[in-house]
Protein backbone atom coordinates (compact mmCIF):
# COMPACT_ATOMS: atom_id res chain seq x y z
CA UNK A 1 -5.25 77.59 48.31
CA UNK A 2 -5.66 78.62 44.48
CA UNK A 3 -8.92 79.99 44.37
CA UNK A 4 -9.90 81.32 40.77
CA UNK A 5 -12.52 83.82 39.88
CA UNK A 6 -13.80 82.73 36.64
CA UNK A 7 -17.62 82.66 35.79
CA UNK A 8 -17.27 79.19 35.71
CA UNK A 9 -16.30 78.75 39.31
CA UNK A 10 -19.20 80.74 40.76
CA UNK A 11 -21.90 78.86 42.67
CA UNK A 12 -19.32 76.00 42.79
CA UNK A 13 -18.74 73.97 45.89
CA UNK A 14 -15.16 74.38 47.33
CA UNK A 15 -14.60 70.88 48.11
CA UNK A 16 -11.55 69.70 49.93
CA UNK A 17 -10.69 66.05 49.27
CA UNK A 18 -8.10 64.39 51.52
CA UNK A 19 -6.55 61.36 50.95
CA UNK A 20 -3.91 58.77 52.82
CA UNK A 21 -1.86 58.47 49.46
CA UNK A 22 -1.79 59.01 45.35
CA UNK A 23 -1.33 55.40 44.99
CA UNK A 24 -3.74 53.82 42.27
CA UNK A 25 -6.24 51.92 44.35
CA UNK A 26 -9.48 51.57 43.80
CA UNK A 27 -10.76 54.67 46.36
CA UNK A 28 -7.85 56.67 44.60
CA UNK A 29 -8.92 55.80 41.06
CA UNK A 30 -12.64 56.16 42.13
CA UNK A 31 -11.81 59.60 42.89
CA UNK A 32 -10.27 60.24 39.91
CA UNK A 33 -13.14 59.37 37.58
CA UNK A 34 -15.08 61.27 40.11
CA UNK A 35 -13.43 64.75 39.42
CA UNK A 36 -12.94 63.91 35.91
CA UNK A 37 -16.66 64.65 35.91
CA UNK A 38 -17.08 67.04 38.05
CA UNK A 39 -19.70 69.59 36.93
CA UNK A 40 -20.54 71.19 40.48
CA UNK A 41 -17.60 70.97 42.44
CA UNK A 42 -14.18 73.43 42.52
CA UNK A 43 -12.17 70.69 44.41
CA UNK A 44 -8.64 70.57 45.79
CA UNK A 45 -7.27 67.25 46.40
CA UNK A 46 -4.38 66.56 49.51
CA UNK A 47 -2.56 63.16 49.55
CA UNK A 48 -0.26 62.59 52.52
CA UNK A 49 1.91 60.75 50.13
CA UNK A 50 2.71 60.65 46.88
CA UNK A 51 1.80 58.76 43.97
CA UNK A 52 0.59 58.63 39.83
CA UNK A 53 -2.86 59.60 41.12
CA UNK A 54 -1.47 63.09 41.67
CA UNK A 55 -0.39 63.61 38.14
CA UNK A 56 -3.46 62.11 36.67
CA UNK A 57 -5.76 64.70 38.70
CA UNK A 58 -3.22 67.97 37.91
CA UNK A 59 -3.78 67.04 34.17
CA UNK A 60 -7.27 66.62 34.65
CA UNK A 61 -7.12 70.17 36.14
CA UNK A 62 -7.76 69.43 39.48
CA UNK A 63 -5.78 71.50 42.26
CA UNK A 64 -3.35 68.91 43.82
CA UNK A 65 -1.45 68.89 46.99
CA UNK A 66 0.76 66.40 48.32
CA UNK A 67 2.51 66.90 51.39
CA UNK A 68 5.62 64.58 51.08
CA UNK A 69 6.34 64.52 47.30
CA UNK A 70 8.36 61.71 46.14
CA UNK A 71 7.73 59.45 48.87
CA UNK A 72 5.44 56.32 49.67
CA UNK A 73 3.04 56.36 52.48
CA UNK A 74 4.02 55.46 56.08
CA UNK A 75 1.79 55.44 59.07
CA UNK A 76 3.65 58.15 60.92
CA UNK A 77 2.37 60.63 58.39
CA UNK A 78 -1.18 60.48 59.69
CA UNK A 79 0.13 62.14 62.64
CA UNK A 80 3.34 64.44 61.17
CA UNK A 81 1.05 65.72 58.79
CA UNK A 82 -1.58 67.36 61.47
CA UNK A 83 -0.27 70.75 61.11
CA UNK A 84 0.15 71.23 57.40
CA UNK A 85 -3.34 69.72 57.31
CA UNK A 86 -4.79 72.17 59.59
CA UNK A 87 -2.82 75.11 58.00
CA UNK A 88 -4.66 73.92 54.71
CA UNK A 89 -7.90 73.86 56.02
CA UNK A 90 -7.68 77.16 58.07
CA UNK A 91 -6.56 78.85 55.37
CA UNK A 92 -9.04 77.81 52.04
CA UNK A 93 -12.27 77.45 54.49
CA UNK A 94 -13.62 75.14 52.03
CA UNK A 95 -17.38 74.58 52.17
CA UNK A 96 -16.77 71.07 53.33
CA UNK A 97 -13.77 68.39 53.78
CA UNK A 98 -14.34 64.87 52.68
CA UNK A 99 -11.83 62.26 54.36
CA UNK A 100 -11.47 59.87 51.22
CA UNK A 101 -9.99 56.70 53.03
CA UNK A 102 -10.32 55.04 56.71
CA UNK A 103 -6.38 55.95 57.45
CA UNK A 104 -7.15 59.54 57.03
CA UNK A 105 -10.52 59.65 58.88
CA UNK A 106 -8.41 58.96 62.17
CA UNK A 107 -6.13 62.31 61.34
CA UNK A 108 -8.87 64.49 60.54
CA UNK A 109 -10.87 63.65 63.36
CA UNK A 110 -7.95 65.38 65.55
CA UNK A 111 -8.48 69.05 63.69
CA UNK A 112 -11.18 71.82 64.76
CA UNK A 113 -13.21 71.79 61.62
CA UNK A 114 -15.19 74.86 63.63
CA UNK A 115 -18.17 75.66 61.06
CA UNK A 116 -16.87 73.52 58.41
CA UNK A 117 -18.58 70.65 57.55
CA UNK A 118 -16.44 67.68 57.61
CA UNK A 119 -17.45 64.03 56.16
CA UNK A 120 -16.19 60.79 55.73
CA UNK A 121 -16.49 58.44 52.64
CA UNK A 122 -17.14 55.20 54.07
CA UNK A 123 -15.48 52.56 51.94
CA UNK A 124 -15.46 49.42 53.99
CA UNK A 125 -17.77 47.39 56.20
CA UNK A 126 -17.78 48.72 59.42
CA UNK A 127 -19.23 45.37 61.24
CA UNK A 128 -15.83 43.72 59.96
CA UNK A 129 -13.47 46.82 61.56
CA UNK A 130 -15.31 46.42 65.03
CA UNK A 131 -14.03 43.01 65.33
CA UNK A 132 -10.35 44.11 65.57
CA UNK A 133 -10.31 44.85 69.04
CA UNK A 134 -10.27 48.00 71.71
CA UNK A 135 -8.45 50.41 69.47
CA UNK A 136 -11.49 50.38 67.15
CA UNK A 137 -13.69 50.62 69.81
CA UNK A 138 -11.89 53.87 70.66
CA UNK A 139 -12.45 55.19 66.96
CA UNK A 140 -15.86 54.31 67.14
CA UNK A 141 -16.42 56.17 70.18
CA UNK A 142 -14.11 59.29 68.97
CA UNK A 143 -13.17 59.39 65.51
CA UNK A 144 -16.47 59.20 63.84
CA UNK A 145 -18.13 60.83 65.87
CA UNK A 146 -16.18 63.88 64.83
CA UNK A 147 -17.84 63.97 61.33
CA UNK A 148 -20.59 65.63 60.63
CA UNK A 149 -21.79 63.15 57.69
CA UNK A 150 -21.42 59.82 56.35
CA UNK A 151 -21.20 58.71 52.94
CA UNK A 152 -21.39 55.49 51.99
CA UNK A 153 -20.19 53.58 48.91
CA UNK A 154 -23.30 50.92 48.75
CA UNK A 155 -26.35 50.36 50.41
CA UNK A 156 -24.78 47.41 52.13
CA UNK A 157 -21.63 49.81 53.92
CA UNK A 158 -24.05 52.12 55.17
CA UNK A 159 -26.24 48.96 56.78
CA UNK A 160 -22.61 48.37 58.82
CA UNK A 161 -22.53 51.35 60.48
CA UNK A 162 -23.04 50.63 63.64
CA UNK A 163 -26.35 51.98 65.82
CA UNK A 164 -24.26 54.47 68.08
CA UNK A 165 -23.88 56.58 64.83
CA UNK A 166 -27.18 56.67 64.03
CA UNK A 167 -27.66 60.23 64.54
CA UNK A 168 -25.19 61.65 62.23
CA UNK A 169 -26.79 62.03 58.55
CA UNK A 170 -25.35 59.79 56.04
CA UNK A 171 -26.26 58.87 52.37
CA UNK A 172 -25.11 56.42 49.87
CA UNK A 173 -23.03 57.15 47.24
CA UNK A 174 -21.07 54.42 44.73
CA UNK A 175 -18.18 55.35 43.60
CA UNK A 176 -17.45 55.70 39.48
CA UNK A 177 -15.46 52.53 38.33
CA UNK A 178 -14.28 54.09 34.94
CA UNK A 179 -17.68 53.30 32.91
CA UNK A 180 -19.07 55.36 29.97
CA UNK A 181 -22.45 57.06 30.10
CA UNK A 182 -23.69 55.69 26.97
CA UNK A 183 -22.88 51.81 25.41
CA UNK A 184 -20.67 51.74 22.67
CA UNK A 185 -21.67 51.72 19.49
CA UNK A 186 -20.45 48.07 18.56
CA UNK A 187 -22.91 44.99 18.83
CA UNK A 188 -23.47 43.30 22.21
CA UNK A 189 -21.13 40.70 22.81
CA UNK A 190 -21.96 37.03 22.71
CA UNK A 191 -20.55 34.16 24.45
CA UNK A 192 -18.23 31.92 22.94
CA UNK A 193 -19.97 28.96 21.21
CA UNK A 194 -16.48 26.70 20.94
CA UNK A 195 -13.10 26.80 22.00
CA UNK A 196 -11.56 27.68 25.46
CA UNK A 197 -13.50 29.79 27.78
CA UNK A 198 -11.34 32.32 29.26
CA UNK A 199 -12.08 33.15 32.95
CA UNK A 200 -10.44 35.76 34.98
CA UNK A 201 -10.35 37.68 38.96
CA UNK A 202 -9.10 40.87 39.00
CA UNK A 203 -8.65 41.01 43.21
CA UNK A 204 -5.51 41.36 45.40
CA UNK A 205 -4.01 37.77 46.21
CA UNK A 206 -5.52 37.95 49.72
CA UNK A 207 -7.32 35.38 51.60
CA UNK A 208 -10.98 37.02 52.07
CA UNK A 209 -11.07 37.83 48.23
CA UNK A 210 -11.49 34.11 48.15
CA UNK A 211 -9.18 33.29 44.78
CA UNK A 212 -8.34 29.84 46.10
CA UNK A 213 -12.24 29.00 46.33
CA UNK A 214 -12.17 29.73 42.47
CA UNK A 215 -9.60 27.45 41.83
CA UNK A 216 -10.98 24.74 43.87
CA UNK A 217 -14.20 25.16 42.08
CA UNK A 218 -12.15 25.11 38.97
CA UNK A 219 -10.96 21.72 39.98
CA UNK A 220 -14.14 20.21 40.62
CA UNK A 221 -15.38 21.18 37.37
CA UNK A 222 -12.53 19.85 35.31
CA UNK A 223 -13.02 16.88 37.59
CA UNK A 224 -16.93 16.45 36.34
CA UNK A 225 -16.03 17.36 32.34
CA UNK A 226 -13.05 16.50 31.90
CA UNK A 227 -13.34 17.75 28.47
CA UNK A 228 -14.30 21.28 29.51
CA UNK A 229 -12.29 23.62 27.57
CA UNK A 230 -11.18 26.77 29.89
CA UNK A 231 -8.58 28.61 31.34
CA UNK A 232 -7.94 30.54 34.49
CA UNK A 233 -5.98 34.37 34.72
CA UNK A 234 -5.52 35.92 38.18
CA UNK A 235 -4.49 39.53 37.88
CA UNK A 236 -4.14 41.84 40.51
CA UNK A 237 -1.27 42.94 43.13
CA UNK A 238 -0.54 45.43 45.57
CA UNK A 239 0.23 45.07 49.34
CA UNK A 240 -0.17 41.39 50.48
CA UNK A 241 -0.33 41.06 54.16
CA UNK A 242 -0.55 37.26 54.11
CA UNK A 243 2.74 35.68 52.27
CA UNK A 244 1.80 32.16 52.98
CA UNK A 245 -1.64 32.68 51.37
CA UNK A 246 0.05 33.75 47.82
CA UNK A 247 2.46 30.92 48.12
CA UNK A 248 -0.25 28.27 48.72
CA UNK A 249 -2.48 29.75 45.82
CA UNK A 250 0.39 29.87 43.21
CA UNK A 251 1.28 26.22 44.67
CA UNK A 252 -2.35 24.97 43.39
CA UNK A 253 -2.09 26.59 40.35
CA UNK A 254 0.77 24.48 39.06
CA UNK A 255 -1.34 21.61 40.59
CA UNK A 256 -3.99 22.50 38.57
CA UNK A 257 -5.54 20.02 36.20
CA UNK A 258 -6.36 23.25 33.97
CA UNK A 259 -3.84 26.12 31.97
CA UNK A 260 -3.82 28.61 34.58
CA UNK A 261 -1.50 31.76 35.19
CA UNK A 262 -1.00 34.58 38.22
CA UNK A 263 0.22 37.64 36.86
CA UNK A 264 0.62 39.77 39.67
CA UNK A 265 -0.64 43.84 38.82
CA UNK A 266 -1.23 44.67 35.21
CA UNK A 267 -1.70 48.45 33.75
CA UNK A 268 -3.90 47.34 31.15
CA UNK A 269 -7.11 45.79 32.89
CA UNK A 270 -9.34 46.96 30.23
CA UNK A 271 -7.75 45.50 27.47
CA UNK A 272 -7.51 41.97 29.80
CA UNK A 273 -11.13 42.21 30.60
CA UNK A 274 -11.99 42.51 26.65
CA UNK A 275 -10.39 39.40 26.14
CA UNK A 276 -12.18 37.51 29.40
CA UNK A 277 -15.01 35.71 28.94
CA UNK A 278 -16.13 35.10 32.50
CA UNK A 279 -14.95 37.65 35.19
CA UNK A 280 -15.42 35.87 38.86
CA UNK A 281 -15.45 37.57 42.47
CA UNK A 282 -15.15 34.78 44.54
CA UNK A 283 -15.22 37.14 47.83
CA UNK A 284 -15.43 35.08 51.49
CA UNK A 285 -16.49 37.95 52.98
CA UNK A 286 -19.11 40.67 51.43
CA UNK A 287 -17.58 43.47 48.87
CA UNK A 288 -18.30 46.59 50.38
CA UNK A 289 -19.10 47.75 46.36
CA UNK A 290 -16.58 46.19 43.75
CA UNK A 291 -15.65 48.15 41.18
CA UNK A 292 -14.41 45.16 39.24
CA UNK A 293 -17.95 44.03 38.45
CA UNK A 294 -19.44 47.46 36.50
CA UNK A 295 -15.92 46.83 34.68
CA UNK A 296 -16.86 43.37 33.70
CA UNK A 297 -20.52 44.09 32.54
CA UNK A 298 -19.10 46.98 30.67
CA UNK A 299 -16.42 44.89 28.97
CA UNK A 300 -18.48 42.23 27.77
CA UNK A 301 -17.69 39.68 30.17
CA UNK A 302 -20.29 37.21 32.01
CA UNK A 303 -19.58 38.22 35.52
CA UNK A 304 -20.32 35.59 38.89
CA UNK A 305 -20.41 37.14 42.26
CA UNK A 306 -20.94 35.76 45.81
CA UNK A 307 -24.54 36.12 46.73
CA UNK A 308 -23.37 39.29 49.62
CA UNK A 309 -22.66 42.72 49.86
CA UNK A 310 -22.56 45.74 47.60
CA UNK A 311 -21.82 42.91 44.98
CA UNK A 312 -25.44 42.15 44.45
CA UNK A 313 -26.41 45.88 44.44
CA UNK A 314 -24.91 45.28 41.03
CA UNK A 315 -26.05 41.50 39.50
CA UNK A 316 -29.05 40.60 39.55
CA UNK A 317 -28.92 36.76 39.98
CA UNK A 318 -29.97 35.15 36.26
CA UNK A 319 -30.46 38.38 34.82
CA UNK A 320 -27.26 40.34 34.17
CA UNK A 321 -25.02 37.82 35.83
CA UNK A 322 -24.79 34.82 38.26
CA UNK A 323 -24.29 34.39 42.32
CA UNK A 324 -23.19 31.60 44.07
CA UNK A 325 -23.29 30.87 47.68
CA UNK A 326 -20.45 32.50 49.40
CA UNK A 327 -17.41 30.60 50.67
CA UNK A 328 -18.83 27.34 48.47
CA UNK A 329 -16.44 26.02 45.73
CA UNK A 330 -19.75 23.34 45.00
CA UNK A 331 -21.92 26.34 44.29
CA UNK A 332 -19.49 28.35 42.36
CA UNK A 333 -18.75 25.05 40.17
CA UNK A 334 -22.11 24.44 39.30
CA UNK A 335 -22.47 28.04 37.70
CA UNK A 336 -19.35 27.84 35.94
CA UNK A 337 -20.51 24.21 34.48
CA UNK A 338 -23.90 25.65 33.65
CA UNK A 339 -22.16 28.00 31.58
CA UNK A 340 -20.11 25.44 29.85
CA UNK A 341 -22.94 23.03 29.55
CA UNK A 342 -25.19 25.70 27.71
CA UNK A 343 -22.81 28.44 26.60
CA UNK A 344 -25.98 30.07 24.33
CA UNK A 345 -27.53 31.06 27.67
CA UNK A 346 -24.88 33.39 28.55
CA UNK A 347 -25.96 35.64 25.52
CA UNK A 348 -29.10 37.15 27.43
CA UNK A 349 -26.92 37.85 30.59
CA UNK A 350 -24.77 39.88 28.42
CA UNK A 351 -27.69 41.95 26.90
CA UNK A 352 -28.73 42.52 30.24
CA UNK A 353 -25.34 43.70 31.38
CA UNK A 354 -25.26 46.68 28.94
CA UNK A 355 -27.61 48.31 31.19
CA UNK A 356 -24.55 49.30 33.34
CA UNK A 357 -23.76 52.33 31.12
CA UNK A 358 -26.75 54.13 32.32
CA UNK A 359 -27.01 52.70 36.02
CA UNK A 360 -23.70 52.36 37.13
CA UNK A 361 -21.94 54.74 34.42
CA UNK A 362 -19.62 57.25 35.55
CA UNK A 363 -21.15 60.31 34.61
CA UNK A 364 -24.41 59.31 36.35
CA UNK A 365 -22.75 58.10 39.60
CA UNK A 366 -20.51 61.48 39.62
CA UNK A 367 -24.21 63.67 39.30
CA UNK A 368 -25.39 61.46 42.13
CA UNK A 369 -22.08 61.99 44.03
CA UNK A 370 -22.19 65.61 43.71
CA UNK A 371 -26.10 65.99 44.48
CA UNK A 372 -25.84 63.77 47.60
CA UNK A 373 -22.72 65.97 48.75
CA UNK A 374 -24.65 69.40 48.07
CA UNK A 375 -27.88 67.86 49.81
CA UNK A 376 -25.76 66.53 52.96
CA UNK A 377 -23.80 69.82 53.31
CA UNK A 378 -27.05 71.82 52.84
CA UNK A 379 -28.82 69.33 55.65
CA UNK A 380 -25.86 69.83 58.01
CA UNK A 381 -26.22 73.45 58.20
CA UNK A 382 -29.87 73.63 58.36
CA UNK A 383 -29.58 71.76 61.39
CA UNK A 384 -29.33 74.83 63.78
CA UNK A 385 -29.66 73.72 66.99
CA UNK A 386 -26.64 73.88 67.98
CA UNK A 387 -22.92 74.81 66.62
CA UNK A 388 -21.28 71.95 64.81
CA UNK A 389 -18.44 71.57 67.07
CA UNK A 390 -20.84 71.57 70.10
CA UNK A 391 -22.73 68.76 68.38
CA UNK A 392 -19.17 66.93 67.61
CA UNK A 393 -18.10 67.20 71.46
CA UNK A 394 -21.65 65.96 72.92
CA UNK A 395 -21.02 62.76 70.30
CA UNK A 396 -18.00 62.03 71.43
CA UNK A 397 -18.59 62.35 75.35
CA UNK A 398 -21.72 60.64 74.97
CA UNK A 399 -20.14 57.38 73.50
CA UNK A 400 -17.08 57.46 75.88
CA UNK A 401 -19.68 57.59 78.76
CA UNK A 402 -21.62 54.45 77.10
CA UNK A 403 -21.09 51.41 78.45
CA UNK A 404 -19.82 48.81 75.90
């Protein structure tokens, strides 16, 4: 591993981040935005599979290793990459290793870290994971106990960590969302007083994301207010596990009594958001965080979210956005009708939304991430009751013997 000796590097933590793929997903982009702002780390990033984020990190001056260049992620990589990962860790001796995805957590759990602290960055609802059967029960008894610290991407995510892992130190560190740390110079956005209201969702077309709830809600609005002037744009692509859901969603849009279009993946998300008036995140299940929320607030959208999960750590109802009852098209329709009936009332929401630049700006979140990471590493190293390897082994044995 490349180790520089410049004055700039002195005293900076040598952190090894590991992710399963360099594809531009939410977690990978958050890592990019974090390391672009980093000032207290000397990071190295290892991706098992290739993707555009690797080149963007290199352009930012980050040492990046791709174990399988030119290849998309395959699950077998989680096993065949073990020797390469072990060699990189052994040779580089980082101050800590951070697993950045649930997939790579399973791989790193099989590597003996010795005295090197290992941490898992949690970006999904672990209670939901627990419902997936025997394999995940084994994961909670053998995989997560192999880590010395847990970093959650929201208070909600942290709340889903099972009690069996309570002895593992943890912290909450929100992910960067590509939001600058200071407001732009232009005037505060105002909600359109007349003309078409542009409503949009920026979500993968998966059932749990609830895009059908949004379509149904707008159908209710149109039935109750036939003269209401609005259109719907759905942005988002990527891997889709339920092709039937996408087919049904497209059919609903074709039959909708209002203008609507499903665009799929787009690269110019900031441009699309800048031309959006209302951004809706209609998730059926709790969002662990929801980077699109911070992005929408920063781009002058009125943001409407379901009242659950990490979403309501960013949106305060009737202050900087609106919330609706989860899974209720009726409740969402009420909030949309409220905006359409009194367009001027949205201006107060947009004024309060500008606080996002200081509360969820990338510089502030990057600084908090680094501070929490340093604190967690120091806490782990100070616990001298037993070597780290012994603590990991005891946790695993205790959880294996514990009755389900």
